[in-house]
């Protein structure tokens, strides 16, 4: 699944560690999501969307 999480994070000046702390996950989890090696669970995807103030489908999407 494609995502724009890295762009959203860097736009706010957050490191992967900063984002991980806010989401209560490891920095490695953030890295794996950003590099599209791991798709977040639905609860984590909702937490990410809430944190960035965007609908899930604006952050995560499939390539057409």
PDB file of N, CA and C in Angstrom:
ATOM      1  N   UNK A   1       0.844  -1.177   0.000  1.00  0.00           N
ATOM      2  CA  UNK A   1       0.000   0.000   0.000  1.00  0.00           C
ATOM      3  C   UNK A   1       0.890   1.241   0.000  1.00  0.00           C
ATOM      4  N   UNK A   2       0.571   2.152  -0.866  1.00  0.00           N
ATOM      5  CA  UNK A   2       1.310   3.413  -0.951  1.00  0.00           C
ATOM      6  C   UNK A   2       0.842   4.355   0.155  1.00  0.00           C
ATOM      7  N   UNK A   3       1.709   5.304   0.515  1.00  0.00           N
ATOM      8  CA  UNK A   3       1.310   6.290   1.527  1.00  0.00           C
ATOM      9  C   UNK A   3       2.141   7.560   1.388  1.00  0.00           C
ATOM     10  N   UNK A   4       1.636   8.618   2.008  1.00  0.00           N
ATOM     11  CA  UNK A   4       2.329   9.910   2.007  1.00  0.00           C
ATOM     12  C   UNK A   4       2.779  10.291   3.417  1.00  0.00           C
ATOM     13  N   UNK A   5       2.969   9.294   4.252  1.00  0.00           N
ATOM     14  CA  UNK A   5       3.294   9.557   5.647  1.00  0.00           C
ATOM     15  C   UNK A   5       4.626  10.301   5.808  1.00  0.00           C
ATOM     16  N   UNK A   6       5.626   9.934   5.037  1.00  0.00           N
ATOM     17  CA  UNK A   6       6.929  10.606   5.149  1.00  0.00           C
ATOM     18  C   UNK A   6       6.784  12.100   4.856  1.00  0.00           C
ATOM     19  N   UNK A   7       6.046  12.437   3.804  1.00  0.00           N
ATOM     20  CA  UNK A   7       5.851  13.837   3.439  1.00  0.00           C
ATOM     21  C   UNK A   7       5.123  14.594   4.550  1.00  0.00           C
ATOM     22  N   UNK A   8       4.075  13.995   5.092  1.00  0.00           N
ATOM     23  CA  UNK A   8       3.324  14.634   6.179  1.00  0.00           C
ATOM     24  C   UNK A   8       4.217  14.850   7.401  1.00  0.00           C
ATOM     25  N   UNK A   9       5.042  13.859   7.698  1.00  0.00           N
ATOM     26  CA  UNK A   9       5.937  13.947   8.862  1.00  0.00           C
ATOM     27  C   UNK A   9       6.982  15.036   8.657  1.00  0.00           C
ATOM     28  N   UNK A  10       7.629  15.041   7.493  1.00  0.00           N
ATOM     29  CA  UNK A  10       8.690  16.022   7.270  1.00  0.00           C
ATOM     30  C   UNK A  10       8.130  17.440   7.158  1.00  0.00           C
ATOM     31  N   UNK A  11       6.909  17.573   6.636  1.00  0.00           N
ATOM     32  CA  UNK A  11       6.274  18.899   6.578  1.00  0.00           C
ATOM     33  C   UNK A  11       6.128  19.509   7.972  1.00  0.00           C
ATOM     34  N   UNK A  12       6.007  18.666   8.974  1.00  0.00           N
ATOM     35  CA  UNK A  12       5.866  19.133  10.358  1.00  0.00           C
ATOM     36  C   UNK A  12       7.203  19.227  11.092  1.00  0.00           C
ATOM     37  N   UNK A  13       8.283  18.816  10.411  1.00  0.00           N
ATOM     38  CA  UNK A  13       9.602  18.882  11.018  1.00  0.00           C
ATOM     39  C   UNK A  13       9.842  17.806  12.060  1.00  0.00           C
ATOM     40  N   UNK A  14       9.093  16.712  11.978  1.00  0.00           N
ATOM     41  CA  UNK A  14       9.235  15.621  12.938  1.00  0.00           C
ATOM     42  C   UNK A  14      10.213  14.581  12.424  1.00  0.00           C
ATOM     43  N   UNK A  15      10.974  14.013  13.314  1.00  0.00           N
ATOM     44  CA  UNK A  15      11.808  12.863  12.980  1.00  0.00           C
ATOM     45  C   UNK A  15      10.936  11.612  13.048  1.00  0.00           C
ATOM     46  N   UNK A  16      11.470  10.507  12.554  1.00  0.00           N
ATOM     47  CA  UNK A  16      10.732   9.246  12.686  1.00  0.00           C
ATOM     48  C   UNK A  16      10.520   8.916  14.165  1.00  0.00           C
ATOM     49  N   UNK A  17      11.500   9.228  14.991  1.00  0.00           N
ATOM     50  CA  UNK A  17      11.376   8.986  16.423  1.00  0.00           C
ATOM     51  C   UNK A  17      10.283   9.828  17.058  1.00  0.00           C
ATOM     52  N   UNK A  18      10.185  11.098  16.631  1.00  0.00           N
ATOM     53  CA  UNK A  18       9.124  11.973  17.146  1.00  0.00           C
ATOM     54  C   UNK A  18       7.753  11.393  16.828  1.00  0.00           C
ATOM     55  N   UNK A  19       7.573  10.972  15.576  1.00  0.00           N
ATOM     56  CA  UNK A  19       6.291  10.411  15.161  1.00  0.00           C
ATOM     57  C   UNK A  19       6.010   9.110  15.903  1.00  0.00           C
ATOM     58  N   UNK A  20       7.023   8.284  16.031  1.00  0.00           N
ATOM     59  CA  UNK A  20       6.861   7.013  16.743  1.00  0.00           C
ATOM     60  C   UNK A  20       6.419   7.248  18.187  1.00  0.00           C
ATOM     61  N   UNK A  21       7.028   8.223  18.845  1.00  0.00           N
ATOM     62  CA  UNK A  21       6.640   8.538  20.231  1.00  0.00           C
ATOM     63  C   UNK A  21       5.180   8.955  20.307  1.00  0.00           C
ATOM     64  N   UNK A  22       4.727   9.772  19.376  1.00  0.00           N
ATOM     65  CA  UNK A  22       3.339  10.235  19.386  1.00  0.00           C
ATOM     66  C   UNK A  22       2.353   9.106  19.109  1.00  0.00           C
ATOM     67  N   UNK A  23       2.775   8.142  18.294  1.00  0.00           N
ATOM     68  CA  UNK A  23       1.905   7.014  17.955  1.00  0.00           C
ATOM     69  C   UNK A  23       2.072   5.829  18.898  1.00  0.00           C
ATOM     70  N   UNK A  24       3.059   5.917  19.785  1.00  0.00           N
ATOM     71  CA  UNK A  24       3.378   4.846  20.730  1.00  0.00           C
ATOM     72  C   UNK A  24       3.744   3.547  20.015  1.00  0.00           C
ATOM     73  N   UNK A  25       4.590   3.699  18.984  1.00  0.00           N
ATOM     74  CA  UNK A  25       5.156   2.559  18.264  1.00  0.00           C
ATOM     75  C   UNK A  25       6.664   2.784  18.175  1.00  0.00           C
ATOM     76  N   UNK A  26       7.386   1.818  17.641  1.00  0.00           N
ATOM     77  CA  UNK A  26       8.832   1.980  17.503  1.00  0.00           C
ATOM     78  C   UNK A  26       9.170   2.818  16.266  1.00  0.00           C
ATOM     79  N   UNK A  27      10.359   3.389  16.275  1.00  0.00           N
ATOM     80  CA  UNK A  27      10.834   4.129  15.111  1.00  0.00           C
ATOM     81  C   UNK A  27      10.932   3.190  13.912  1.00  0.00           C
ATOM     82  N   UNK A  28      11.280   1.930  14.161  1.00  0.00           N
ATOM     83  CA  UNK A  28      11.379   0.953  13.080  1.00  0.00           C
ATOM     84  C   UNK A  28      10.021   0.713  12.422  1.00  0.00           C
ATOM     85  N   UNK A  29       8.943   0.768  13.213  1.00  0.00           N
ATOM     86  CA  UNK A  29       7.601   0.616  12.646  1.00  0.00           C
ATOM     87  C   UNK A  29       7.288   1.784  11.720  1.00  0.00           C
ATOM     88  N   UNK A  30       7.606   2.991  12.161  1.00  0.00           N
ATOM     89  CA  UNK A  30       7.385   4.174  11.314  1.00  0.00           C
ATOM     90  C   UNK A  30       8.185   4.038  10.024  1.00  0.00           C
ATOM     91  N   UNK A  31       9.436   3.640  10.132  1.00  0.00           N
ATOM     92  CA  UNK A  31      10.278   3.468   8.949  1.00  0.00           C
ATOM     93  C   UNK A  31       9.685   2.425   8.006  1.00  0.00           C
ATOM     94  N   UNK A  32       9.234   1.306   8.537  1.00  0.00           N
ATOM     95  CA  UNK A  32       8.672   0.238   7.700  1.00  0.00           C
ATOM     96  C   UNK A  32       7.401   0.692   6.990  1.00  0.00           C
ATOM     97  N   UNK A  33       6.572   1.494   7.658  1.00  0.00           N
ATOM     98  CA  UNK A  33       5.364   2.013   7.015  1.00  0.00           C
ATOM     99  C   UNK A  33       5.749   2.998   5.909  1.00  0.00           C
ATOM    100  N   UNK A  34       6.659   3.908   6.222  1.00  0.00           N
ATOM    101  CA  UNK A  34       7.065   4.917   5.239  1.00  0.00           C
ATOM    102  C   UNK A  34       7.707   4.298   3.999  1.00  0.00           C
ATOM    103  N   UNK A  35       8.438   3.212   4.170  1.00  0.00           N
ATOM    104  CA  UNK A  35       9.107   2.563   3.037  1.00  0.00           C
ATOM    105  C   UNK A  35       8.230   1.481   2.407  1.00  0.00           C
ATOM    106  N   UNK A  36       6.985   1.419   2.853  1.00  0.00           N
ATOM    107  CA  UNK A  36       5.968   0.527   2.299  1.00  0.00           C
ATOM    108  C   UNK A  36       6.318  -0.947   2.413  1.00  0.00           C
ATOM    109  N   UNK A  37       7.068  -1.301   3.473  1.00  0.00           N
ATOM    110  CA  UNK A  37       7.359  -2.708   3.754  1.00  0.00           C
ATOM    111  C   UNK A  37       6.370  -3.274   4.762  1.00  0.00           C
ATOM    112  N   UNK A  38       5.547  -2.409   5.345  1.00  0.00           N
ATOM    113  CA  UNK A  38       4.602  -2.836   6.371  1.00  0.00           C
ATOM    114  C   UNK A  38       3.350  -1.983   6.259  1.00  0.00           C
ATOM    115  N   UNK A  39       2.193  -2.629   6.250  1.00  0.00           N
ATOM    116  CA  UNK A  39       0.921  -1.916   6.268  1.00  0.00           C
ATOM    117  C   UNK A  39       0.437  -1.864   7.720  1.00  0.00           C
ATOM    118  N   UNK A  40       0.090  -0.683   8.202  1.00  0.00           N
ATOM    119  CA  UNK A  40      -0.323  -0.566   9.600  1.00  0.00           C
ATOM    120  C   UNK A  40      -1.661  -1.267   9.845  1.00  0.00           C
ATOM    121  N   UNK A  41      -1.869  -1.665  11.081  1.00  0.00           N
ATOM    122  CA  UNK A  41      -3.170  -2.212  11.477  1.00  0.00           C
ATOM    123  C   UNK A  41      -4.208  -1.103  11.314  1.00  0.00           C
ATOM    124  N   UNK A  42      -5.455  -1.469  11.277  1.00  0.00           N
ATOM    125  CA  UNK A  42      -6.510  -0.474  11.137  1.00  0.00           C
ATOM    126  C   UNK A  42      -6.509   0.526  12.293  1.00  0.00           C
ATOM    127  N   UNK A  43      -6.375   0.069  13.560  1.00  0.00           N
ATOM    128  CA  UNK A  43      -6.311   1.057  14.649  1.00  0.00           C
ATOM    129  C   UNK A  43      -5.123   2.020  14.516  1.00  0.00           C
ATOM    130  N   UNK A  44      -3.977   1.513  14.071  1.00  0.00           N
ATOM    131  CA  UNK A  44      -2.813   2.386  13.891  1.00  0.00           C
ATOM    132  C   UNK A  44      -3.049   3.349  12.724  1.00  0.00           C
ATOM    133  N   UNK A  45      -3.655   2.877  11.650  1.00  0.00           N
ATOM    134  CA  UNK A  45      -3.960   3.761  10.518  1.00  0.00           C
ATOM    135  C   UNK A  45      -4.902   4.885  10.947  1.00  0.00           C
ATOM    136  N   UNK A  46      -5.904   4.558  11.769  1.00  0.00           N
ATOM    137  CA  UNK A  46      -6.809   5.597  12.280  1.00  0.00           C
ATOM    138  C   UNK A  46      -6.056   6.583  13.169  1.00  0.00           C
ATOM    139  N   UNK A  47      -5.127   6.085  13.993  1.00  0.00           N
ATOM    140  CA  UNK A  47      -4.342   6.969  14.870  1.00  0.00           C
ATOM    141  C   UNK A  47      -3.472   7.913  14.028  1.00  0.00           C
ATOM    142  N   UNK A  48      -2.886   7.396  12.965  1.00  0.00           N
ATOM    143  CA  UNK A  48      -2.067   8.220  12.074  1.00  0.00           C
ATOM    144  C   UNK A  48      -2.930   9.296  11.422  1.00  0.00           C
ATOM    145  N   UNK A  49      -4.095   8.897  10.929  1.00  0.00           N
ATOM    146  CA  UNK A  49      -5.001   9.855  10.286  1.00  0.00           C
ATOM    147  C   UNK A  49      -5.440  10.943  11.266  1.00  0.00           C
ATOM    148  N   UNK A  50      -5.766  10.557  12.491  1.00  0.00           N
ATOM    149  CA  UNK A  50      -6.161  11.542  13.513  1.00  0.00           C
ATOM    150  C   UNK A  50      -5.022  12.502  13.802  1.00  0.00           C
ATOM    151  N   UNK A  51      -3.825  11.969  13.956  1.00  0.00           N
ATOM    152  CA  UNK A  51      -2.662  12.799  14.284  1.00  0.00           C
ATOM    153  C   UNK A  51      -2.411  13.843  13.194  1.00  0.00           C
ATOM    154  N   UNK A  52      -2.549  13.443  11.938  1.00  0.00           N
ATOM    155  CA  UNK A  52      -2.304  14.375  10.837  1.00  0.00           C
ATOM    156  C   UNK A  52      -3.551  15.152  10.429  1.00  0.00           C
ATOM    157  N   UNK A  53      -4.696  14.824  11.022  1.00  0.00           N
ATOM    158  CA  UNK A  53      -5.927  15.549  10.720  1.00  0.00           C
ATOM    159  C   UNK A  53      -6.409  15.351   9.296  1.00  0.00           C
ATOM    160  N   UNK A  54      -6.228  14.138   8.784  1.00  0.00           N
ATOM    161  CA  UNK A  54      -6.621  13.829   7.409  1.00  0.00           C
ATOM    162  C   UNK A  54      -7.392  12.513   7.377  1.00  0.00           C
ATOM    163  N   UNK A  55      -8.254  12.331   6.383  1.00  0.00           N
ATOM    164  CA  UNK A  55      -8.912  11.031   6.223  1.00  0.00           C
ATOM    165  C   UNK A  55      -7.881   9.960   5.860  1.00  0.00           C
ATOM    166  N   UNK A  56      -8.126   8.746   6.285  1.00  0.00           N
ATOM    167  CA  UNK A  56      -7.194   7.645   6.002  1.00  0.00           C
ATOM    168  C   UNK A  56      -6.884   7.556   4.508  1.00  0.00           C
ATOM    169  N   UNK A  57      -7.903   7.711   3.665  1.00  0.00           N
ATOM    170  CA  UNK A  57      -7.681   7.536   2.222  1.00  0.00           C
ATOM    171  C   UNK A  57      -6.829   8.643   1.609  1.00  0.00           C
ATOM    172  N   UNK A  58      -6.563   9.722   2.346  1.00  0.00           N
ATOM    173  CA  UNK A  58      -5.641  10.758   1.880  1.00  0.00           C
ATOM    174  C   UNK A  58      -4.198  10.440   2.277  1.00  0.00           C
ATOM    175  N   UNK A  59      -4.023   9.455   3.154  1.00  0.00           N
ATOM    176  CA  UNK A  59      -2.680   9.061   3.609  1.00  0.00           C
ATOM    177  C   UNK A  59      -2.266   7.718   2.999  1.00  0.00           C
ATOM    178  N   UNK A  60      -3.195   6.765   2.972  1.00  0.00           N
ATOM    179  CA  UNK A  60      -2.926   5.431   2.468  1.00  0.00           C
ATOM    180  C   UNK A  60      -3.806   5.159   1.250  1.00  0.00           C
ATOM    181  N   UNK A  61      -3.215   4.583   0.217  1.00  0.00           N
ATOM    182  CA  UNK A  61      -3.971   4.307  -1.004  1.00  0.00           C
ATOM    183  C   UNK A  61      -3.274   3.213  -1.802  1.00  0.00           C
ATOM    184  N   UNK A  62      -4.031   2.609  -2.693  1.00  0.00           N
ATOM    185  CA  UNK A  62      -3.449   1.619  -3.588  1.00  0.00           C
ATOM    186  C   UNK A  62      -3.105   2.298  -4.898  1.00  0.00           C
ATOM    187  N   UNK A  63      -2.098   1.805  -5.529  1.00  0.00           N
ATOM    188  CA  UNK A  63      -1.678   2.384  -6.802  1.00  0.00           C
ATOM    189  C   UNK A  63      -2.589   1.858  -7.893  1.00  0.00           C
ATOM    190  N   UNK A  64      -3.025   2.732  -8.766  1.00  0.00           N
ATOM    191  CA  UNK A  64      -3.937   2.326  -9.842  1.00  0.00           C
ATOM    192  C   UNK A  64      -3.206   2.188 -11.141  1.00  0.00           C
TER     193      UNK A  64
END
